[in-house]
Amino acid sequence: ALRRLVGSPDITRNQLEHLNTLGTQPHITVQV
């Protein structure tokens, strides 16, 4: 899901940055 390009590279980059931001929150855990 992280490697699949859906939409443009800019959209994918924004989505990954959003996940990264969420993962810095103390009440959110992101694992791969």
ModelCIF file with pLDDT and N, C-alpha, C, O atoms, coordinates in Angstrom:
data_MODEL
#
_entry.id   MODEL 
#
_entity.id                         1 
_entity.type                       polymer 
_entity.pdbx_number_of_molecules   1 
#
_entity_poly.entity_id                      1 
_entity_poly.type                           'polypeptide(L)' 
_entity_poly.nstd_linkage                   no 
_entity_poly.nstd_monomer                   no 
_entity_poly.pdbx_seq_one_letter_code       ALRRLVGSPDITRNQLEHLNTLGTQPHITVQV 
_entity_poly.pdbx_seq_one_letter_code_can   ALRRLVGSPDITRNQLEHLNTLGTQPHITVQV 
_entity_poly.pdbx_strand_id                 A 
#
loop_
_entity_poly_seq.entity_id 
_entity_poly_seq.num 
_entity_poly_seq.mon_id 
_entity_poly_seq.hetero 
1 1  ALA n 
1 2  LEU n 
1 3  ARG n 
1 4  ARG n 
1 5  LEU n 
1 6  VAL n 
1 7  GLY n 
1 8  SER n 
1 9  PRO n 
1 10 ASP n 
1 11 ILE n 
1 12 THR n 
1 13 ARG n 
1 14 ASN n 
1 15 GLN n 
1 16 LEU n 
1 17 GLU n 
1 18 HIS n 
1 19 LEU n 
1 20 ASN n 
1 21 THR n 
1 22 LEU n 
1 23 GLY n 
1 24 THR n 
1 25 GLN n 
1 26 PRO n 
1 27 HIS n 
1 28 ILE n 
1 29 THR n 
1 30 VAL n 
1 31 GLN n 
1 32 VAL n 
#
_struct_asym.id          A 
_struct_asym.entity_id   1 
#
loop_
_ma_qa_metric.id 
_ma_qa_metric.mode 
_ma_qa_metric.name 
_ma_qa_metric.software_group_id 
_ma_qa_metric.type 
1 global pLDDT . pLDDT 
2 local  pLDDT . pLDDT 
#
_ma_qa_metric_global.metric_id      1 
_ma_qa_metric_global.metric_value   89.38 
_ma_qa_metric_global.model_id       1 
_ma_qa_metric_global.ordinal_id     1 
#
loop_
_ma_qa_metric_local.label_asym_id 
_ma_qa_metric_local.label_comp_id 
_ma_qa_metric_local.label_seq_id 
_ma_qa_metric_local.metric_id 
_ma_qa_metric_local.metric_value 
_ma_qa_metric_local.model_id 
_ma_qa_metric_local.ordinal_id 
A ALA 1  2 86.00 1 1  
A LEU 2  2 87.00 1 2  
A ARG 3  2 89.00 1 3  
A ARG 4  2 88.00 1 4  
A LEU 5  2 88.00 1 5  
A VAL 6  2 85.00 1 6  
A GLY 7  2 89.00 1 7  
A SER 8  2 92.00 1 8  
A PRO 9  2 92.00 1 9  
A ASP 10 2 94.00 1 10 
A ILE 11 2 92.00 1 11 
A THR 12 2 90.00 1 12 
A ARG 13 2 92.00 1 13 
A ASN 14 2 93.00 1 14 
A GLN 15 2 90.00 1 15 
A LEU 16 2 90.00 1 16 
A GLU 17 2 93.00 1 17 
A HIS 18 2 90.00 1 18 
A LEU 19 2 89.00 1 19 
A ASN 20 2 90.00 1 20 
A THR 21 2 91.00 1 21 
A LEU 22 2 88.00 1 22 
A GLY 23 2 88.00 1 23 
A THR 24 2 91.00 1 24 
A GLN 25 2 90.00 1 25 
A PRO 26 2 90.00 1 26 
A HIS 27 2 88.00 1 27 
A ILE 28 2 87.00 1 28 
A THR 29 2 88.00 1 29 
A VAL 30 2 87.00 1 30 
A GLN 31 2 86.00 1 31 
A VAL 32 2 87.00 1 32 
#
loop_
_atom_site.group_PDB 
_atom_site.id 
_atom_site.type_symbol 
_atom_site.label_atom_id 
_atom_site.label_alt_id 
_atom_site.label_comp_id 
_atom_site.label_asym_id 
_atom_site.label_entity_id 
_atom_site.label_seq_id 
_atom_site.pdbx_PDB_ins_code 
_atom_site.Cartn_x 
_atom_site.Cartn_y 
_atom_site.Cartn_z 
_atom_site.occupancy 
_atom_site.B_iso_or_equiv 
_atom_site.pdbx_formal_charge 
_atom_site.auth_seq_id 
_atom_site.auth_comp_id 
_atom_site.auth_asym_id 
_atom_site.auth_atom_id 
_atom_site.pdbx_PDB_model_num 
ATOM 1   N N  . ALA A 1 1  ? 0.828  -1.209 0.000  1.00 86.00 ? 1  ALA A N  1 
ATOM 2   C CA . ALA A 1 1  ? 0.000  0.000  0.000  1.00 86.00 ? 1  ALA A CA 1 
ATOM 3   C C  . ALA A 1 1  ? 0.860  1.256  0.000  1.00 86.00 ? 1  ALA A C  1 
ATOM 4   O O  . ALA A 1 1  ? 0.449  2.295  -0.517 1.00 86.00 ? 1  ALA A O  1 
ATOM 5   N N  . LEU A 1 2  ? 2.049  1.163  0.577  1.00 87.00 ? 2  LEU A N  1 
ATOM 6   C CA . LEU A 1 2  ? 2.948  2.317  0.598  1.00 87.00 ? 2  LEU A CA 1 
ATOM 7   C C  . LEU A 1 2  ? 3.710  2.476  -0.709 1.00 87.00 ? 2  LEU A C  1 
ATOM 8   O O  . LEU A 1 2  ? 4.106  3.584  -1.070 1.00 87.00 ? 2  LEU A O  1 
ATOM 9   N N  . ARG A 1 3  ? 3.910  1.389  -1.404 1.00 89.00 ? 3  ARG A N  1 
ATOM 10  C CA . ARG A 1 3  ? 4.703  1.411  -2.632 1.00 89.00 ? 3  ARG A CA 1 
ATOM 11  C C  . ARG A 1 3  ? 3.870  1.643  -3.895 1.00 89.00 ? 3  ARG A C  1 
ATOM 12  O O  . ARG A 1 3  ? 4.414  2.035  -4.928 1.00 89.00 ? 3  ARG A O  1 
ATOM 13  N N  . ARG A 1 4  ? 2.561  1.406  -3.824 1.00 88.00 ? 4  ARG A N  1 
ATOM 14  C CA . ARG A 1 4  ? 1.703  1.529  -5.000 1.00 88.00 ? 4  ARG A CA 1 
ATOM 15  C C  . ARG A 1 4  ? 1.426  2.999  -5.295 1.00 88.00 ? 4  ARG A C  1 
ATOM 16  O O  . ARG A 1 4  ? 0.996  3.747  -4.416 1.00 88.00 ? 4  ARG A O  1 
ATOM 17  N N  . LEU A 1 5  ? 1.671  3.403  -6.522 1.00 88.00 ? 5  LEU A N  1 
ATOM 18  C CA . LEU A 1 5  ? 1.404  4.777  -6.937 1.00 88.00 ? 5  LEU A CA 1 
ATOM 19  C C  . LEU A 1 5  ? -0.054 4.878  -7.374 1.00 88.00 ? 5  LEU A C  1 
ATOM 20  O O  . LEU A 1 5  ? -0.466 4.245  -8.346 1.00 88.00 ? 5  LEU A O  1 
ATOM 21  N N  . VAL A 1 6  ? -0.818 5.671  -6.656 1.00 85.00 ? 6  VAL A N  1 
ATOM 22  C CA . VAL A 1 6  ? -2.209 5.936  -7.004 1.00 85.00 ? 6  VAL A CA 1 
ATOM 23  C C  . VAL A 1 6  ? -2.317 7.439  -7.183 1.00 85.00 ? 6  VAL A C  1 
ATOM 24  O O  . VAL A 1 6  ? -2.088 8.199  -6.242 1.00 85.00 ? 6  VAL A O  1 
ATOM 25  N N  . GLY A 1 7  ? -2.660 7.865  -8.372 1.00 89.00 ? 7  GLY A N  1 
ATOM 26  C CA . GLY A 1 7  ? -2.651 9.292  -8.656 1.00 89.00 ? 7  GLY A CA 1 
ATOM 27  C C  . GLY A 1 7  ? -1.243 9.717  -9.047 1.00 89.00 ? 7  GLY A C  1 
ATOM 28  O O  . GLY A 1 7  ? -0.464 8.916  -9.564 1.00 89.00 ? 7  GLY A O  1 
ATOM 29  N N  . SER A 1 8  ? -0.932 10.947 -8.804 1.00 92.00 ? 8  SER A N  1 
ATOM 30  C CA . SER A 1 8  ? 0.374  11.479 -9.181 1.00 92.00 ? 8  SER A CA 1 
ATOM 31  C C  . SER A 1 8  ? 1.403  11.238 -8.075 1.00 92.00 ? 8  SER A C  1 
ATOM 32  O O  . SER A 1 8  ? 1.039  10.939 -6.937 1.00 92.00 ? 8  SER A O  1 
ATOM 33  N N  . PRO A 1 9  ? 2.684  11.370 -8.413 1.00 92.00 ? 9  PRO A N  1 
ATOM 34  C CA . PRO A 1 9  ? 3.712  11.269 -7.370 1.00 92.00 ? 9  PRO A CA 1 
ATOM 35  C C  . PRO A 1 9  ? 3.515  12.310 -6.255 1.00 92.00 ? 9  PRO A C  1 
ATOM 36  O O  . PRO A 1 9  ? 3.823  12.037 -5.094 1.00 92.00 ? 9  PRO A O  1 
ATOM 37  N N  . ASP A 1 10 ? 3.006  13.489 -6.601 1.00 94.00 ? 10 ASP A N  1 
ATOM 38  C CA . ASP A 1 10 ? 2.752  14.519 -5.582 1.00 94.00 ? 10 ASP A CA 1 
ATOM 39  C C  . ASP A 1 10 ? 1.672  14.069 -4.598 1.00 94.00 ? 10 ASP A C  1 
ATOM 40  O O  . ASP A 1 10 ? 1.800  14.277 -3.392 1.00 94.00 ? 10 ASP A O  1 
ATOM 41  N N  . ILE A 1 11 ? 0.615  13.454 -5.114 1.00 92.00 ? 11 ILE A N  1 
ATOM 42  C CA . ILE A 1 11 ? -0.466 12.966 -4.239 1.00 92.00 ? 11 ILE A CA 1 
ATOM 43  C C  . ILE A 1 11 ? 0.076  11.889 -3.320 1.00 92.00 ? 11 ILE A C  1 
ATOM 44  O O  . ILE A 1 11 ? -0.197 11.896 -2.120 1.00 92.00 ? 11 ILE A O  1 
ATOM 45  N N  . THR A 1 12 ? 0.844  10.962 -3.878 1.00 90.00 ? 12 THR A N  1 
ATOM 46  C CA . THR A 1 12 ? 1.420  9.880  -3.072 1.00 90.00 ? 12 THR A CA 1 
ATOM 47  C C  . THR A 1 12 ? 2.339  10.443 -1.999 1.00 90.00 ? 12 THR A C  1 
ATOM 48  O O  . THR A 1 12 ? 2.282  10.013 -0.847 1.00 90.00 ? 12 THR A O  1 
ATOM 49  N N  . ARG A 1 13 ? 3.183  11.398 -2.362 1.00 92.00 ? 13 ARG A N  1 
ATOM 50  C CA . ARG A 1 13 ? 4.086  12.019 -1.390 1.00 92.00 ? 13 ARG A CA 1 
ATOM 51  C C  . ARG A 1 13 ? 3.294  12.692 -0.271 1.00 92.00 ? 13 ARG A C  1 
ATOM 52  O O  . ARG A 1 13 ? 3.646  12.560 0.901  1.00 92.00 ? 13 ARG A O  1 
ATOM 53  N N  . ASN A 1 14 ? 2.236  13.407 -0.619 1.00 93.00 ? 14 ASN A N  1 
ATOM 54  C CA . ASN A 1 14 ? 1.408  14.067 0.400  1.00 93.00 ? 14 ASN A CA 1 
ATOM 55  C C  . ASN A 1 14 ? 0.765  13.051 1.338  1.00 93.00 ? 14 ASN A C  1 
ATOM 56  O O  . ASN A 1 14 ? 0.688  13.280 2.545  1.00 93.00 ? 14 ASN A O  1 
ATOM 57  N N  . GLN A 1 15 ? 0.304  11.926 0.786  1.00 90.00 ? 15 GLN A N  1 
ATOM 58  C CA . GLN A 1 15 ? -0.306 10.895 1.623  1.00 90.00 ? 15 GLN A CA 1 
ATOM 59  C C  . GLN A 1 15 ? 0.721  10.291 2.582  1.00 90.00 ? 15 GLN A C  1 
ATOM 60  O O  . GLN A 1 15 ? 0.427  10.075 3.758  1.00 90.00 ? 15 GLN A O  1 
ATOM 61  N N  . LEU A 1 16 ? 1.920  10.021 2.076  1.00 90.00 ? 16 LEU A N  1 
ATOM 62  C CA . LEU A 1 16 ? 2.964  9.460  2.934  1.00 90.00 ? 16 LEU A CA 1 
ATOM 63  C C  . LEU A 1 16 ? 3.399  10.458 4.007  1.00 90.00 ? 16 LEU A C  1 
ATOM 64  O O  . LEU A 1 16 ? 3.662  10.069 5.145  1.00 90.00 ? 16 LEU A O  1 
ATOM 65  N N  . GLU A 1 17 ? 3.476  11.726 3.654  1.00 93.00 ? 17 GLU A N  1 
ATOM 66  C CA . GLU A 1 17 ? 3.814  12.744 4.650  1.00 93.00 ? 17 GLU A CA 1 
ATOM 67  C C  . GLU A 1 17 ? 2.732  12.838 5.715  1.00 93.00 ? 17 GLU A C  1 
ATOM 68  O O  . GLU A 1 17 ? 3.032  13.025 6.894  1.00 93.00 ? 17 GLU A O  1 
ATOM 69  N N  . HIS A 1 18 ? 1.477  12.708 5.304  1.00 90.00 ? 18 HIS A N  1 
ATOM 70  C CA . HIS A 1 18 ? 0.366  12.739 6.265  1.00 90.00 ? 18 HIS A CA 1 
ATOM 71  C C  . HIS A 1 18 ? 0.459  11.556 7.234  1.00 90.00 ? 18 HIS A C  1 
ATOM 72  O O  . HIS A 1 18 ? 0.290  11.725 8.441  1.00 90.00 ? 18 HIS A O  1 
ATOM 73  N N  . LEU A 1 19 ? 0.730  10.363 6.702  1.00 89.00 ? 19 LEU A N  1 
ATOM 74  C CA . LEU A 1 19 ? 0.908  9.191  7.573  1.00 89.00 ? 19 LEU A CA 1 
ATOM 75  C C  . LEU A 1 19 ? 2.063  9.401  8.543  1.00 89.00 ? 19 LEU A C  1 
ATOM 76  O O  . LEU A 1 19 ? 1.961  9.059  9.721  1.00 89.00 ? 19 LEU A O  1 
ATOM 77  N N  . ASN A 1 20 ? 3.146  9.956  8.054  1.00 90.00 ? 20 ASN A N  1 
ATOM 78  C CA . ASN A 1 20 ? 4.299  10.225 8.910  1.00 90.00 ? 20 ASN A CA 1 
ATOM 79  C C  . ASN A 1 20 ? 3.936  11.204 10.020 1.00 90.00 ? 20 ASN A C  1 
ATOM 80  O O  . ASN A 1 20 ? 4.331  11.011 11.170 1.00 90.00 ? 20 ASN A O  1 
ATOM 81  N N  . THR A 1 21 ? 3.192  12.241 9.688  1.00 91.00 ? 21 THR A N  1 
ATOM 82  C CA . THR A 1 21 ? 2.755  13.217 10.690 1.00 91.00 ? 21 THR A CA 1 
ATOM 83  C C  . THR A 1 21 ? 1.841  12.559 11.720 1.00 91.00 ? 21 THR A C  1 
ATOM 84  O O  . THR A 1 21 ? 1.988  12.784 12.921 1.00 91.00 ? 21 THR A O  1 
ATOM 85  N N  . LEU A 1 22 ? 0.897  11.746 11.247 1.00 88.00 ? 22 LEU A N  1 
ATOM 86  C CA . LEU A 1 22 ? 0.011  11.051 12.184 1.00 88.00 ? 22 LEU A CA 1 
ATOM 87  C C  . LEU A 1 22 ? 0.815  10.173 13.136 1.00 88.00 ? 22 LEU A C  1 
ATOM 88  O O  . LEU A 1 22 ? 0.521  10.111 14.330 1.00 88.00 ? 22 LEU A O  1 
ATOM 89  N N  . GLY A 1 23 ? 1.826  9.497  12.605 1.00 88.00 ? 23 GLY A N  1 
ATOM 90  C CA . GLY A 1 23 ? 2.624  8.582  13.411 1.00 88.00 ? 23 GLY A CA 1 
ATOM 91  C C  . GLY A 1 23 ? 3.433  9.255  14.500 1.00 88.00 ? 23 GLY A C  1 
ATOM 92  O O  . GLY A 1 23 ? 3.937  8.576  15.395 1.00 88.00 ? 23 GLY A O  1 
ATOM 93  N N  . THR A 1 24 ? 3.571  10.565 14.449 1.00 91.00 ? 24 THR A N  1 
ATOM 94  C CA . THR A 1 24 ? 4.297  11.279 15.507 1.00 91.00 ? 24 THR A CA 1 
ATOM 95  C C  . THR A 1 24 ? 3.406  11.620 16.689 1.00 91.00 ? 24 THR A C  1 
ATOM 96  O O  . THR A 1 24 ? 3.899  12.055 17.730 1.00 91.00 ? 24 THR A O  1 
ATOM 97  N N  . GLN A 1 25 ? 2.101  11.428 16.543 1.00 90.00 ? 25 GLN A N  1 
ATOM 98  C CA . GLN A 1 25 ? 1.163  11.732 17.620 1.00 90.00 ? 25 GLN A CA 1 
ATOM 99  C C  . GLN A 1 25 ? 1.228  10.630 18.680 1.00 90.00 ? 25 GLN A C  1 
ATOM 100 O O  . GLN A 1 25 ? 1.322  9.454  18.328 1.00 90.00 ? 25 GLN A O  1 
ATOM 101 N N  . PRO A 1 26 ? 1.180  10.979 19.964 1.00 90.00 ? 26 PRO A N  1 
ATOM 102 C CA . PRO A 1 26 ? 1.326  9.966  21.018 1.00 90.00 ? 26 PRO A CA 1 
ATOM 103 C C  . PRO A 1 26 ? 0.190  8.946  21.066 1.00 90.00 ? 26 PRO A C  1 
ATOM 104 O O  . PRO A 1 26 ? 0.375  7.854  21.603 1.00 90.00 ? 26 PRO A O  1 
ATOM 105 N N  . HIS A 1 27 ? -0.966 9.272  20.525 1.00 88.00 ? 27 HIS A N  1 
ATOM 106 C CA . HIS A 1 27 ? -2.108 8.362  20.576 1.00 88.00 ? 27 HIS A CA 1 
ATOM 107 C C  . HIS A 1 27 ? -2.301 7.576  19.272 1.00 88.00 ? 27 HIS A C  1 
ATOM 108 O O  . HIS A 1 27 ? -3.304 6.885  19.094 1.00 88.00 ? 27 HIS A O  1 
ATOM 109 N N  . ILE A 1 28 ? -1.319 7.693  18.362 1.00 87.00 ? 28 ILE A N  1 
ATOM 110 C CA . ILE A 1 28 ? -1.415 7.010  17.074 1.00 87.00 ? 28 ILE A CA 1 
ATOM 111 C C  . ILE A 1 28 ? -0.156 6.178  16.842 1.00 87.00 ? 28 ILE A C  1 
ATOM 112 O O  . ILE A 1 28 ? 0.961  6.666  17.012 1.00 87.00 ? 28 ILE A O  1 
ATOM 113 N N  . THR A 1 29 ? -0.347 4.923  16.455 1.00 88.00 ? 29 THR A N  1 
ATOM 114 C CA . THR A 1 29 ? 0.760  4.029  16.115 1.00 88.00 ? 29 THR A CA 1 
ATOM 115 C C  . THR A 1 29 ? 0.598  3.620  14.660 1.00 88.00 ? 29 THR A C  1 
ATOM 116 O O  . THR A 1 29 ? -0.475 3.182  14.246 1.00 88.00 ? 29 THR A O  1 
ATOM 117 N N  . VAL A 1 30 ? 1.667  3.764  13.886 1.00 87.00 ? 30 VAL A N  1 
ATOM 118 C CA . VAL A 1 30 ? 1.666  3.334  12.490 1.00 87.00 ? 30 VAL A CA 1 
ATOM 119 C C  . VAL A 1 30 ? 2.738  2.271  12.332 1.00 87.00 ? 30 VAL A C  1 
ATOM 120 O O  . VAL A 1 30 ? 3.903  2.505  12.654 1.00 87.00 ? 30 VAL A O  1 
ATOM 121 N N  . GLN A 1 31 ? 2.346  1.102  11.835 1.00 86.00 ? 31 GLN A N  1 
ATOM 122 C CA . GLN A 1 31 ? 3.285  0.022  11.574 1.00 86.00 ? 31 GLN A CA 1 
ATOM 123 C C  . GLN A 1 31 ? 3.121  -0.453 10.140 1.00 86.00 ? 31 GLN A C  1 
ATOM 124 O O  . GLN A 1 31 ? 2.058  -0.304 9.538  1.00 86.00 ? 31 GLN A O  1 
ATOM 125 N N  . VAL A 1 32 ? 4.193  -1.028 9.604  1.00 87.00 ? 32 VAL A N  1 
ATOM 126 C CA . VAL A 1 32 ? 4.177  -1.555 8.244  1.00 87.00 ? 32 VAL A CA 1 
ATOM 127 C C  . VAL A 1 32 ? 4.361  -3.063 8.304  1.00 87.00 ? 32 VAL A C  1 
ATOM 128 O O  . VAL A 1 32 ? 4.380  -3.725 7.266  1.00 87.00 ? 32 VAL A O  1 
#
